[in-house]
Amino acid sequence: SQALCMSYLFYEAQRSGPLPSDQRITWRHDSALGDGSDVGHDL
């Protein structure tokens, strides 16, 4: 059960873009906010 919970912590650490308020991995911050700007889409 703990290992299952922790696996989703890893996925939170892999998040790109604006992070949600309930983000548990707090050493990560918003990133790659310009993704898609080269083609005119929000990616």
PDB file of all heavy atoms in Angstrom:
ATOM      1  N   SER A   1       0.829  -1.207   0.000  1.00  0.00           N
ATOM      2  CA  SER A   1       0.000   0.000   0.000  1.00  0.00           C
ATOM      3  C   SER A   1       0.862   1.255   0.000  1.00  0.00           C
ATOM      4  O   SER A   1       0.595   2.213  -0.743  1.00  0.00           O
ATOM      5  CB  SER A   1      -0.925   0.014   1.221  1.00  0.00           C
ATOM      6  OG  SER A   1      -1.982  -0.899   1.070  1.00  0.00           O
ATOM      7  N   GLN A   2       1.898   1.277   0.824  1.00  0.00           N
ATOM      8  CA  GLN A   2       2.784   2.434   0.841  1.00  0.00           C
ATOM      9  C   GLN A   2       3.522   2.566  -0.491  1.00  0.00           C
ATOM     10  O   GLN A   2       3.666   3.674  -1.029  1.00  0.00           O
ATOM     11  CB  GLN A   2       3.799   2.326   1.973  1.00  0.00           C
ATOM     12  CG  GLN A   2       4.662   3.581   2.099  1.00  0.00           C
ATOM     13  CD  GLN A   2       5.797   3.445   3.101  1.00  0.00           C
ATOM     14  OE1 GLN A   2       6.410   2.390   3.202  1.00  0.00           O
ATOM     15  NE2 GLN A   2       6.060   4.510   3.841  1.00  0.00           N
ATOM     16  N   ALA A   3       3.981   1.453  -1.042  1.00  0.00           N
ATOM     17  CA  ALA A   3       4.688   1.497  -2.322  1.00  0.00           C
ATOM     18  C   ALA A   3       3.773   1.999  -3.431  1.00  0.00           C
ATOM     19  O   ALA A   3       4.205   2.747  -4.321  1.00  0.00           O
ATOM     20  CB  ALA A   3       5.239   0.117  -2.663  1.00  0.00           C
ATOM     21  N   LEU A   4       2.494   1.615  -3.394  1.00  0.00           N
ATOM     22  CA  LEU A   4       1.531   2.093  -4.389  1.00  0.00           C
ATOM     23  C   LEU A   4       1.346   3.598  -4.263  1.00  0.00           C
ATOM     24  O   LEU A   4       1.355   4.332  -5.264  1.00  0.00           O
ATOM     25  CB  LEU A   4       0.198   1.367  -4.211  1.00  0.00           C
ATOM     26  CG  LEU A   4      -0.946   1.782  -5.134  1.00  0.00           C
ATOM     27  CD1 LEU A   4      -0.587   1.557  -6.598  1.00  0.00           C
ATOM     28  CD2 LEU A   4      -2.230   1.026  -4.769  1.00  0.00           C
ATOM     29  N   CYS A   5       1.189   4.072  -3.055  1.00  0.00           N
ATOM     30  CA  CYS A   5       1.086   5.512  -2.809  1.00  0.00           C
ATOM     31  C   CYS A   5       2.330   6.227  -3.335  1.00  0.00           C
ATOM     32  O   CYS A   5       2.238   7.262  -4.022  1.00  0.00           O
ATOM     33  CB  CYS A   5       0.907   5.759  -1.317  1.00  0.00           C
ATOM     34  SG  CYS A   5       0.921   7.498  -0.817  1.00  0.00           S
ATOM     35  N   MET A   6       3.488   5.671  -3.082  1.00  0.00           N
ATOM     36  CA  MET A   6       4.735   6.318  -3.476  1.00  0.00           C
ATOM     37  C   MET A   6       4.916   6.348  -4.987  1.00  0.00           C
ATOM     38  O   MET A   6       5.549   7.263  -5.530  1.00  0.00           O
ATOM     39  CB  MET A   6       5.918   5.618  -2.802  1.00  0.00           C
ATOM     40  CG  MET A   6       6.002   5.878  -1.304  1.00  0.00           C
ATOM     41  SD  MET A   6       7.232   4.833  -0.480  1.00  0.00           S
ATOM     42  CE  MET A   6       8.735   5.381  -1.276  1.00  0.00           C
ATOM     43  N   SER A   7       4.374   5.363  -5.673  1.00  0.00           N
ATOM     44  CA  SER A   7       4.507   5.365  -7.124  1.00  0.00           C
ATOM     45  C   SER A   7       3.866   6.604  -7.729  1.00  0.00           C
ATOM     46  O   SER A   7       4.365   7.169  -8.711  1.00  0.00           O
ATOM     47  CB  SER A   7       3.887   4.101  -7.727  1.00  0.00           C
ATOM     48  OG  SER A   7       4.287   3.938  -9.074  1.00  0.00           O
ATOM     49  N   TYR A   8       2.780   7.071  -7.125  1.00  0.00           N
ATOM     50  CA  TYR A   8       2.138   8.287  -7.627  1.00  0.00           C
ATOM     51  C   TYR A   8       2.895   9.548  -7.212  1.00  0.00           C
ATOM     52  O   TYR A   8       2.775  10.587  -7.872  1.00  0.00           O
ATOM     53  CB  TYR A   8       0.666   8.319  -7.222  1.00  0.00           C
ATOM     54  CG  TYR A   8      -0.117   7.368  -8.092  1.00  0.00           C
ATOM     55  CD1 TYR A   8      -0.482   6.114  -7.623  1.00  0.00           C
ATOM     56  CD2 TYR A   8      -0.403   7.694  -9.408  1.00  0.00           C
ATOM     57  CE1 TYR A   8      -1.141   5.217  -8.450  1.00  0.00           C
ATOM     58  CE2 TYR A   8      -1.073   6.806 -10.238  1.00  0.00           C
ATOM     59  CZ  TYR A   8      -1.434   5.571  -9.759  1.00  0.00           C
ATOM     60  OH  TYR A   8      -2.078   4.687 -10.592  1.00  0.00           O
ATOM     61  N   LEU A   9       3.690   9.463  -6.151  1.00  0.00           N
ATOM     62  CA  LEU A   9       4.598  10.575  -5.862  1.00  0.00           C
ATOM     63  C   LEU A   9       5.600  10.741  -6.993  1.00  0.00           C
ATOM     64  O   LEU A   9       5.939  11.864  -7.387  1.00  0.00           O
ATOM     65  CB  LEU A   9       5.334  10.337  -4.546  1.00  0.00           C
ATOM     66  CG  LEU A   9       4.518  10.296  -3.261  1.00  0.00           C
ATOM     67  CD1 LEU A   9       5.438  10.021  -2.069  1.00  0.00           C
ATOM     68  CD2 LEU A   9       3.743  11.582  -3.044  1.00  0.00           C
ATOM     69  N   PHE A  10       6.086   9.619  -7.522  1.00  0.00           N
ATOM     70  CA  PHE A  10       7.011   9.700  -8.648  1.00  0.00           C
ATOM     71  C   PHE A  10       6.357  10.391  -9.843  1.00  0.00           C
ATOM     72  O   PHE A  10       6.965  11.257 -10.478  1.00  0.00           O
ATOM     73  CB  PHE A  10       7.495   8.304  -9.038  1.00  0.00           C
ATOM     74  CG  PHE A  10       8.180   8.266 -10.379  1.00  0.00           C
ATOM     75  CD1 PHE A  10       9.351   8.977 -10.589  1.00  0.00           C
ATOM     76  CD2 PHE A  10       7.647   7.534 -11.430  1.00  0.00           C
ATOM     77  CE1 PHE A  10       9.983   8.956 -11.833  1.00  0.00           C
ATOM     78  CE2 PHE A  10       8.267   7.522 -12.672  1.00  0.00           C
ATOM     79  CZ  PHE A  10       9.439   8.229 -12.875  1.00  0.00           C
ATOM     80  N   TYR A  11       5.120  10.023 -10.133  1.00  0.00           N
ATOM     81  CA  TYR A  11       4.452  10.672 -11.264  1.00  0.00           C
ATOM     82  C   TYR A  11       4.244  12.167 -11.002  1.00  0.00           C
ATOM     83  O   TYR A  11       4.324  12.978 -11.933  1.00  0.00           O
ATOM     84  CB  TYR A  11       3.132   9.976 -11.591  1.00  0.00           C
ATOM     85  CG  TYR A  11       3.344   8.663 -12.326  1.00  0.00           C
ATOM     86  CD1 TYR A  11       3.206   7.442 -11.670  1.00  0.00           C
ATOM     87  CD2 TYR A  11       3.721   8.659 -13.663  1.00  0.00           C
ATOM     88  CE1 TYR A  11       3.430   6.251 -12.331  1.00  0.00           C
ATOM     89  CE2 TYR A  11       3.949   7.467 -14.332  1.00  0.00           C
ATOM     90  CZ  TYR A  11       3.801   6.265 -13.668  1.00  0.00           C
ATOM     91  OH  TYR A  11       4.039   5.084 -14.333  1.00  0.00           O
ATOM     92  N   GLU A  12       4.009  12.541  -9.761  1.00  0.00           N
ATOM     93  CA  GLU A  12       3.917  13.972  -9.454  1.00  0.00           C
ATOM     94  C   GLU A  12       5.254  14.669  -9.714  1.00  0.00           C
ATOM     95  O   GLU A  12       5.288  15.814 -10.187  1.00  0.00           O
ATOM     96  CB  GLU A  12       3.467  14.182  -8.007  1.00  0.00           C
ATOM     97  CG  GLU A  12       2.002  13.816  -7.764  1.00  0.00           C
ATOM     98  CD  GLU A  12       1.511  14.220  -6.393  1.00  0.00           C
ATOM     99  OE1 GLU A  12       2.098  15.137  -5.782  1.00  0.00           O
ATOM    100  OE2 GLU A  12       0.526  13.616  -5.926  1.00  0.00           O
ATOM    101  N   ALA A  13       6.346  13.999  -9.420  1.00  0.00           N
ATOM    102  CA  ALA A  13       7.661  14.583  -9.672  1.00  0.00           C
ATOM    103  C   ALA A  13       7.933  14.734 -11.164  1.00  0.00           C
ATOM    104  O   ALA A  13       8.786  15.539 -11.555  1.00  0.00           O
ATOM    105  CB  ALA A  13       8.751  13.724  -9.031  1.00  0.00           C
ATOM    106  N   GLN A  14       7.216  13.986 -12.004  1.00  0.00           N
ATOM    107  CA  GLN A  14       7.403  14.040 -13.451  1.00  0.00           C
ATOM    108  C   GLN A  14       6.474  15.036 -14.133  1.00  0.00           C
ATOM    109  O   GLN A  14       6.538  15.207 -15.348  1.00  0.00           O
ATOM    110  CB  GLN A  14       7.173  12.654 -14.052  1.00  0.00           C
ATOM    111  CG  GLN A  14       8.180  11.595 -13.620  1.00  0.00           C
ATOM    112  CD  GLN A  14       9.600  11.957 -13.991  1.00  0.00           C
ATOM    113  OE1 GLN A  14      10.365  12.442 -13.172  1.00  0.00           O
ATOM    114  NE2 GLN A  14       9.962  11.740 -15.246  1.00  0.00           N
ATOM    115  N   ARG A  15       5.619  15.709 -13.373  1.00  0.00           N
ATOM    116  CA  ARG A  15       4.648  16.614 -13.985  1.00  0.00           C
ATOM    117  C   ARG A  15       5.311  17.800 -14.659  1.00  0.00           C
ATOM    118  O   ARG A  15       6.231  18.409 -14.114  1.00  0.00           O
ATOM    119  CB  ARG A  15       3.668  17.130 -12.925  1.00  0.00           C
ATOM    120  CG  ARG A  15       2.614  16.114 -12.499  1.00  0.00           C
ATOM    121  CD  ARG A  15       1.823  16.621 -11.323  1.00  0.00           C
ATOM    122  NE  ARG A  15       0.649  15.778 -11.048  1.00  0.00           N
ATOM    123  CZ  ARG A  15      -0.121  15.883  -9.973  1.00  0.00           C
ATOM    124  NH1 ARG A  15       0.153  16.812  -9.062  1.00  0.00           N
ATOM    125  NH2 ARG A  15      -1.161  15.085  -9.819  1.00  0.00           N
ATOM    126  N   SER A  16       4.804  18.135 -15.823  1.00  0.00           N
ATOM    127  CA  SER A  16       5.201  19.329 -16.551  1.00  0.00           C
ATOM    128  C   SER A  16       4.047  20.314 -16.527  1.00  0.00           C
ATOM    129  O   SER A  16       2.890  19.926 -16.358  1.00  0.00           O
ATOM    130  CB  SER A  16       5.552  18.958 -17.995  1.00  0.00           C
ATOM    131  OG  SER A  16       5.946  20.089 -18.737  1.00  0.00           O
ATOM    132  N   GLY A  17       4.365  21.616 -16.693  1.00  0.00           N
ATOM    133  CA  GLY A  17       3.323  22.627 -16.759  1.00  0.00           C
ATOM    134  C   GLY A  17       3.040  23.264 -15.415  1.00  0.00           C
ATOM    135  O   GLY A  17       3.810  23.122 -14.453  1.00  0.00           O
ATOM    136  N   PRO A  18       1.920  23.959 -15.310  1.00  0.00           N
ATOM    137  CA  PRO A  18       1.531  24.578 -14.041  1.00  0.00           C
ATOM    138  C   PRO A  18       1.048  23.518 -13.059  1.00  0.00           C
ATOM    139  O   PRO A  18       0.156  22.724 -13.382  1.00  0.00           O
ATOM    140  CB  PRO A  18       0.395  25.537 -14.444  1.00  0.00           C
ATOM    141  CG  PRO A  18      -0.151  24.971 -15.717  1.00  0.00           C
ATOM    142  CD  PRO A  18       0.985  24.290 -16.412  1.00  0.00           C
ATOM    143  N   LEU A  19       1.623  23.486 -11.887  1.00  0.00           N
ATOM    144  CA  LEU A  19       1.324  22.434 -10.916  1.00  0.00           C
ATOM    145  C   LEU A  19       0.110  22.791 -10.067  1.00  0.00           C
ATOM    146  O   LEU A  19      -0.134  23.973  -9.769  1.00  0.00           O
ATOM    147  CB  LEU A  19       2.535  22.179 -10.027  1.00  0.00           C
ATOM    148  CG  LEU A  19       3.811  21.755 -10.756  1.00  0.00           C
ATOM    149  CD1 LEU A  19       4.911  21.414  -9.763  1.00  0.00           C
ATOM    150  CD2 LEU A  19       3.554  20.581 -11.693  1.00  0.00           C
ATOM    151  N   PRO A  20      -0.644  21.799  -9.633  1.00  0.00           N
ATOM    152  CA  PRO A  20      -1.855  22.061  -8.846  1.00  0.00           C
ATOM    153  C   PRO A  20      -1.525  22.400  -7.400  1.00  0.00           C
ATOM    154  O   PRO A  20      -0.416  22.149  -6.915  1.00  0.00           O
ATOM    155  CB  PRO A  20      -2.616  20.740  -8.951  1.00  0.00           C
ATOM    156  CG  PRO A  20      -1.548  19.708  -9.097  1.00  0.00           C
ATOM    157  CD  PRO A  20      -0.461  20.364  -9.911  1.00  0.00           C
ATOM    158  N   SER A  21      -2.516  22.918  -6.696  1.00  0.00           N
ATOM    159  CA  SER A  21      -2.307  23.330  -5.311  1.00  0.00           C
ATOM    160  C   SER A  21      -2.070  22.148  -4.381  1.00  0.00           C
ATOM    161  O   SER A  21      -1.491  22.310  -3.300  1.00  0.00           O
ATOM    162  CB  SER A  21      -3.508  24.147  -4.818  1.00  0.00           C
ATOM    163  OG  SER A  21      -4.697  23.373  -4.900  1.00  0.00           O
ATOM    164  N   ASP A  22      -2.513  20.957  -4.788  1.00  0.00           N
ATOM    165  CA  ASP A  22      -2.339  19.784  -3.924  1.00  0.00           C
ATOM    166  C   ASP A  22      -1.102  18.965  -4.281  1.00  0.00           C
ATOM    167  O   ASP A  22      -0.969  17.811  -3.858  1.00  0.00           O
ATOM    168  CB  ASP A  22      -3.587  18.892  -3.966  1.00  0.00           C
ATOM    169  CG  ASP A  22      -3.897  18.360  -5.360  1.00  0.00           C
ATOM    170  OD1 ASP A  22      -3.201  18.745  -6.327  1.00  0.00           O
ATOM    171  OD2 ASP A  22      -4.841  17.554  -5.500  1.00  0.00           O
ATOM    172  N   GLN A  23      -0.195  19.550  -5.035  1.00  0.00           N
ATOM    173  CA  GLN A  23       1.071  18.891  -5.381  1.00  0.00           C
ATOM    174  C   GLN A  23       1.825  18.532  -4.110  1.00  0.00           C
ATOM    175  O   GLN A  23       2.114  19.381  -3.262  1.00  0.00           O
ATOM    176  CB  GLN A  23       1.912  19.814  -6.248  1.00  0.00           C
ATOM    177  CG  GLN A  23       3.330  19.375  -6.498  1.00  0.00           C
ATOM    178  CD  GLN A  23       3.477  18.428  -7.679  1.00  0.00           C
ATOM    179  OE1 GLN A  23       2.510  18.165  -8.397  1.00  0.00           O
ATOM    180  NE2 GLN A  23       4.666  17.915  -7.889  1.00  0.00           N
ATOM    181  N   ARG A  24       2.168  17.239  -3.952  1.00  0.00           N
ATOM    182  CA  ARG A  24       2.848  16.788  -2.735  1.00  0.00           C
ATOM    183  C   ARG A  24       4.367  16.858  -2.850  1.00  0.00           C
ATOM    184  O   ARG A  24       5.056  16.922  -1.827  1.00  0.00           O
ATOM    185  CB  ARG A  24       2.412  15.350  -2.412  1.00  0.00           C
ATOM    186  CG  ARG A  24       0.944  15.233  -2.024  1.00  0.00           C
ATOM    187  CD  ARG A  24       0.526  13.775  -1.856  1.00  0.00           C
ATOM    188  NE  ARG A  24       0.550  13.059  -3.136  1.00  0.00           N
ATOM    189  CZ  ARG A  24       0.330  11.749  -3.267  1.00  0.00           C
ATOM    190  NH1 ARG A  24       0.091  11.007  -2.188  1.00  0.00           N
ATOM    191  NH2 ARG A  24       0.342  11.180  -4.463  1.00  0.00           N
ATOM    192  N   ILE A  25       4.889  16.799  -4.059  1.00  0.00           N
ATOM    193  CA  ILE A  25       6.335  16.914  -4.255  1.00  0.00           C
ATOM    194  C   ILE A  25       6.659  18.394  -4.392  1.00  0.00           C
ATOM    195  O   ILE A  25       6.630  18.973  -5.489  1.00  0.00           O
ATOM    196  CB  ILE A  25       6.788  16.113  -5.489  1.00  0.00           C
ATOM    197  CG1 ILE A  25       6.404  14.641  -5.316  1.00  0.00           C
ATOM    198  CG2 ILE A  25       8.294  16.244  -5.698  1.00  0.00           C
ATOM    199  CD1 ILE A  25       7.007  13.978  -4.083  1.00  0.00           C
ATOM    200  N   THR A  26       6.960  19.023  -3.278  1.00  0.00           N
ATOM    201  CA  THR A  26       7.028  20.488  -3.223  1.00  0.00           C
ATOM    202  C   THR A  26       8.349  21.072  -3.690  1.00  0.00           C
ATOM    203  O   THR A  26       8.491  22.291  -3.760  1.00  0.00           O
ATOM    204  CB  THR A  26       6.732  20.965  -1.794  1.00  0.00           C
ATOM    205  OG1 THR A  26       7.600  20.279  -0.881  1.00  0.00           O
ATOM    206  CG2 THR A  26       5.291  20.688  -1.420  1.00  0.00           C
ATOM    207  N   TRP A  27       9.345  20.219  -4.010  1.00  0.00           N
ATOM    208  CA  TRP A  27      10.560  20.759  -4.607  1.00  0.00           C
ATOM    209  C   TRP A  27      10.404  20.957  -6.104  1.00  0.00           C
ATOM    210  O   TRP A  27      11.292  21.505  -6.752  1.00  0.00           O
ATOM    211  CB  TRP A  27      11.783  19.896  -4.290  1.00  0.00           C
ATOM    212  CG  TRP A  27      11.630  18.408  -4.462  1.00  0.00           C
ATOM    213  CD1 TRP A  27      11.281  17.501  -3.509  1.00  0.00           C
ATOM    214  CD2 TRP A  27      11.857  17.649  -5.664  1.00  0.00           C
ATOM    215  NE1 TRP A  27      11.265  16.226  -4.035  1.00  0.00           N
ATOM    216  CE2 TRP A  27      11.611  16.293  -5.342  1.00  0.00           C
ATOM    217  CE3 TRP A  27      12.240  17.981  -6.955  1.00  0.00           C
ATOM    218  CZ2 TRP A  27      11.747  15.265  -6.285  1.00  0.00           C
ATOM    219  CZ3 TRP A  27      12.362  16.958  -7.898  1.00  0.00           C
ATOM    220  CH2 TRP A  27      12.116  15.631  -7.559  1.00  0.00           C
ATOM    221  N   ARG A  28       9.305  20.510  -6.657  1.00  0.00           N
ATOM    222  CA  ARG A  28       8.974  20.792  -8.055  1.00  0.00           C
ATOM    223  C   ARG A  28       8.071  22.023  -8.117  1.00  0.00           C
ATOM    224  O   ARG A  28       7.237  22.241  -7.250  1.00  0.00           O
ATOM    225  CB  ARG A  28       8.255  19.607  -8.696  1.00  0.00           C
ATOM    226  CG  ARG A  28       9.152  18.424  -9.095  1.00  0.00           C
ATOM    227  CD  ARG A  28      10.159  18.772 -10.177  1.00  0.00           C
ATOM    228  NE  ARG A  28       9.652  19.761 -11.121  1.00  0.00           N
ATOM    229  CZ  ARG A  28       8.749  19.505 -12.084  1.00  0.00           C
ATOM    230  NH1 ARG A  28       8.298  18.276 -12.254  1.00  0.00           N
ATOM    231  NH2 ARG A  28       8.331  20.474 -12.877  1.00  0.00           N
ATOM    232  N   HIS A  29       8.233  22.810  -9.209  1.00  0.00           N
ATOM    233  CA  HIS A  29       7.451  24.025  -9.409  1.00  0.00           C
ATOM    234  C   HIS A  29       6.956  24.068 -10.853  1.00  0.00           C
ATOM    235  O   HIS A  29       7.275  23.196 -11.662  1.00  0.00           O
ATOM    236  CB  HIS A  29       8.303  25.260  -9.089  1.00  0.00           C
ATOM    237  CG  HIS A  29       8.957  25.206  -7.747  1.00  0.00           C
ATOM    238  ND1 HIS A  29       8.266  25.341  -6.575  1.00  0.00           N
ATOM    239  CD2 HIS A  29      10.258  24.994  -7.391  1.00  0.00           C
ATOM    240  CE1 HIS A  29       9.098  25.246  -5.545  1.00  0.00           C
ATOM    241  NE2 HIS A  29      10.314  25.019  -6.018  1.00  0.00           N
ATOM    242  N   ASP A  30       6.193  25.098 -11.183  1.00  0.00           N
ATOM    243  CA  ASP A  30       5.708  25.262 -12.551  1.00  0.00           C
ATOM    244  C   ASP A  30       6.885  25.265 -13.522  1.00  0.00           C
ATOM    245  O   ASP A  30       7.940  25.856 -13.239  1.00  0.00           O
ATOM    246  CB  ASP A  30       4.948  26.576 -12.702  1.00  0.00           C
ATOM    247  CG  ASP A  30       3.698  26.657 -11.835  1.00  0.00           C
ATOM    248  OD1 ASP A  30       3.331  25.627 -11.225  1.00  0.00           O
ATOM    249  OD2 ASP A  30       3.108  27.743 -11.767  1.00  0.00           O
ATOM    250  N   SER A  31       6.702  24.631 -14.676  1.00  0.00           N
ATOM    251  CA  SER A  31       7.794  24.541 -15.646  1.00  0.00           C
ATOM    252  C   SER A  31       7.235  24.361 -17.053  1.00  0.00           C
ATOM    253  O   SER A  31       6.078  23.954 -17.231  1.00  0.00           O
ATOM    254  CB  SER A  31       8.720  23.359 -15.312  1.00  0.00           C
ATOM    255  OG  SER A  31       8.013  22.132 -15.395  1.00  0.00           O
ATOM    256  N   ALA A  32       8.073  24.668 -18.034  1.00  0.00           N
ATOM    257  CA  ALA A  32       7.733  24.492 -19.454  1.00  0.00           C
ATOM    258  C   ALA A  32       6.391  25.135 -19.793  1.00  0.00           C
ATOM    259  O   ALA A  32       5.561  24.550 -20.483  1.00  0.00           O
ATOM    260  CB  ALA A  32       7.733  23.007 -19.818  1.00  0.00           C
ATOM    261  N   LEU A  33       6.193  26.345 -19.305  1.00  0.00           N
ATOM    262  CA  LEU A  33       4.921  27.042 -19.515  1.00  0.00           C
ATOM    263  C   LEU A  33       4.773  27.586 -20.937  1.00  0.00           C
ATOM    264  O   LEU A  33       3.688  28.043 -21.305  1.00  0.00           O
ATOM    265  CB  LEU A  33       4.777  28.175 -18.501  1.00  0.00           C
ATOM    266  CG  LEU A  33       4.790  27.745 -17.032  1.00  0.00           C
ATOM    267  CD1 LEU A  33       4.571  28.954 -16.122  1.00  0.00           C
ATOM    268  CD2 LEU A  33       3.734  26.675 -16.755  1.00  0.00           C
ATOM    269  N   GLY A  34       5.838  27.526 -21.720  1.00  0.00           N
ATOM    270  CA  GLY A  34       5.755  27.965 -23.110  1.00  0.00           C
ATOM    271  C   GLY A  34       5.582  26.834 -24.097  1.00  0.00           C
ATOM    272  O   GLY A  34       5.591  27.065 -25.315  1.00  0.00           O
ATOM    273  N   ASP A  35       5.407  25.609 -23.609  1.00  0.00           N
ATOM    274  CA  ASP A  35       5.275  24.478 -24.526  1.00  0.00           C
ATOM    275  C   ASP A  35       4.110  24.699 -25.493  1.00  0.00           C
ATOM    276  O   ASP A  35       2.979  24.989 -25.076  1.00  0.00           O
ATOM    277  CB  ASP A  35       5.065  23.182 -23.749  1.00  0.00           C
ATOM    278  CG  ASP A  35       6.357  22.605 -23.196  1.00  0.00           C
ATOM    279  OD1 ASP A  35       7.425  23.218 -23.405  1.00  0.00           O
ATOM    280  OD2 ASP A  35       6.309  21.540 -22.555  1.00  0.00           O
ATOM    281  N   GLY A  36       4.407  24.546 -26.777  1.00  0.00           N
ATOM    282  CA  GLY A  36       3.408  24.742 -27.820  1.00  0.00           C
ATOM    283  C   GLY A  36       3.380  26.138 -28.396  1.00  0.00           C
ATOM    284  O   GLY A  36       2.711  26.375 -29.412  1.00  0.00           O
ATOM    285  N   SER A  37       4.093  27.073 -27.787  1.00  0.00           N
ATOM    286  CA  SER A  37       4.069  28.449 -28.286  1.00  0.00           C
ATOM    287  C   SER A  37       4.656  28.559 -29.682  1.00  0.00           C
ATOM    288  O   SER A  37       4.314  29.465 -30.446  1.00  0.00           O
ATOM    289  CB  SER A  37       4.807  29.381 -27.323  1.00  0.00           C
ATOM    290  OG  SER A  37       6.160  28.980 -27.169  1.00  0.00           O
ATOM    291  N   ASP A  38       5.539  27.630 -30.041  1.00  0.00           N
ATOM    292  CA  ASP A  38       6.141  27.663 -31.370  1.00  0.00           C
ATOM    293  C   ASP A  38       5.143  27.332 -32.470  1.00  0.00           C
ATOM    294  O   ASP A  38       5.359  27.659 -33.644  1.00  0.00           O
ATOM    295  CB  ASP A  38       7.339  26.715 -31.441  1.00  0.00           C
ATOM    296  CG  ASP A  38       6.984  25.269 -31.161  1.00  0.00           C
ATOM    297  OD1 ASP A  38       6.153  25.017 -30.256  1.00  0.00           O
ATOM    298  OD2 ASP A  38       7.532  24.368 -31.830  1.00  0.00           O
ATOM    299  N   VAL A  39       4.026  26.682 -32.112  1.00  0.00           N
ATOM    300  CA  VAL A  39       3.015  26.298 -33.102  1.00  0.00           C
ATOM    301  C   VAL A  39       1.664  26.936 -32.817  1.00  0.00           C
ATOM    302  O   VAL A  39       0.671  26.621 -33.476  1.00  0.00           O
ATOM    303  CB  VAL A  39       2.883  24.766 -33.187  1.00  0.00           C
ATOM    304  CG1 VAL A  39       4.158  24.153 -33.768  1.00  0.00           C
ATOM    305  CG2 VAL A  39       2.579  24.153 -31.819  1.00  0.00           C
ATOM    306  N   GLY A  40       1.616  27.808 -31.820  1.00  0.00           N
ATOM    307  CA  GLY A  40       0.380  28.504 -31.528  1.00  0.00           C
ATOM    308  C   GLY A  40      -0.657  27.699 -30.798  1.00  0.00           C
ATOM    309  O   GLY A  40      -1.860  28.008 -30.855  1.00  0.00           O
ATOM    310  N   HIS A  41      -0.230  26.656 -30.070  1.00  0.00           N
ATOM    311  CA  HIS A  41      -1.154  25.838 -29.285  1.00  0.00           C
ATOM    312  C   HIS A  41      -0.638  25.730 -27.849  1.00  0.00           C
ATOM    313  O   HIS A  41       0.578  25.776 -27.616  1.00  0.00           O
ATOM    314  CB  HIS A  41      -1.293  24.428 -29.870  1.00  0.00           C
ATOM    315  CG  HIS A  41      -1.937  24.376 -31.215  1.00  0.00           C
ATOM    316  ND1 HIS A  41      -3.266  24.662 -31.420  1.00  0.00           N
ATOM    317  CD2 HIS A  41      -1.421  24.065 -32.438  1.00  0.00           C
ATOM    318  CE1 HIS A  41      -3.550  24.527 -32.711  1.00  0.00           C
ATOM    319  NE2 HIS A  41      -2.451  24.164 -33.350  1.00  0.00           N
ATOM    320  N   ASP A  42      -1.539  25.585 -26.919  1.00  0.00           N
ATOM    321  CA  ASP A  42      -1.174  25.339 -25.525  1.00  0.00           C
ATOM    322  C   ASP A  42      -0.888  23.853 -25.363  1.00  0.00           C
ATOM    323  O   ASP A  42      -1.806  23.032 -25.356  1.00  0.00           O
ATOM    324  CB  ASP A  42      -2.318  25.770 -24.605  1.00  0.00           C
ATOM    325  CG  ASP A  42      -2.039  25.443 -23.138  1.00  0.00           C
ATOM    326  OD1 ASP A  42      -0.900  25.041 -22.810  1.00  0.00           O
ATOM    327  OD2 ASP A  42      -2.978  25.562 -22.321  1.00  0.00           O
ATOM    328  N   LEU A  43       0.381  23.505 -25.267  1.00  0.00           N
ATOM    329  CA  LEU A  43       0.785  22.115 -25.067  1.00  0.00           C
ATOM    330  C   LEU A  43       1.448  21.937 -23.705  1.00  0.00           C
ATOM    331  O   LEU A  43       2.314  21.078 -23.535  1.00  0.00           O
ATOM    332  CB  LEU A  43       1.727  21.670 -26.193  1.00  0.00           C
ATOM    333  CG  LEU A  43       1.138  21.688 -27.608  1.00  0.00           C
ATOM    334  CD1 LEU A  43       2.188  21.262 -28.624  1.00  0.00           C
ATOM    335  CD2 LEU A  43      -0.092  20.786 -27.706  1.00  0.00           C
TER     336      LEU A  43
END
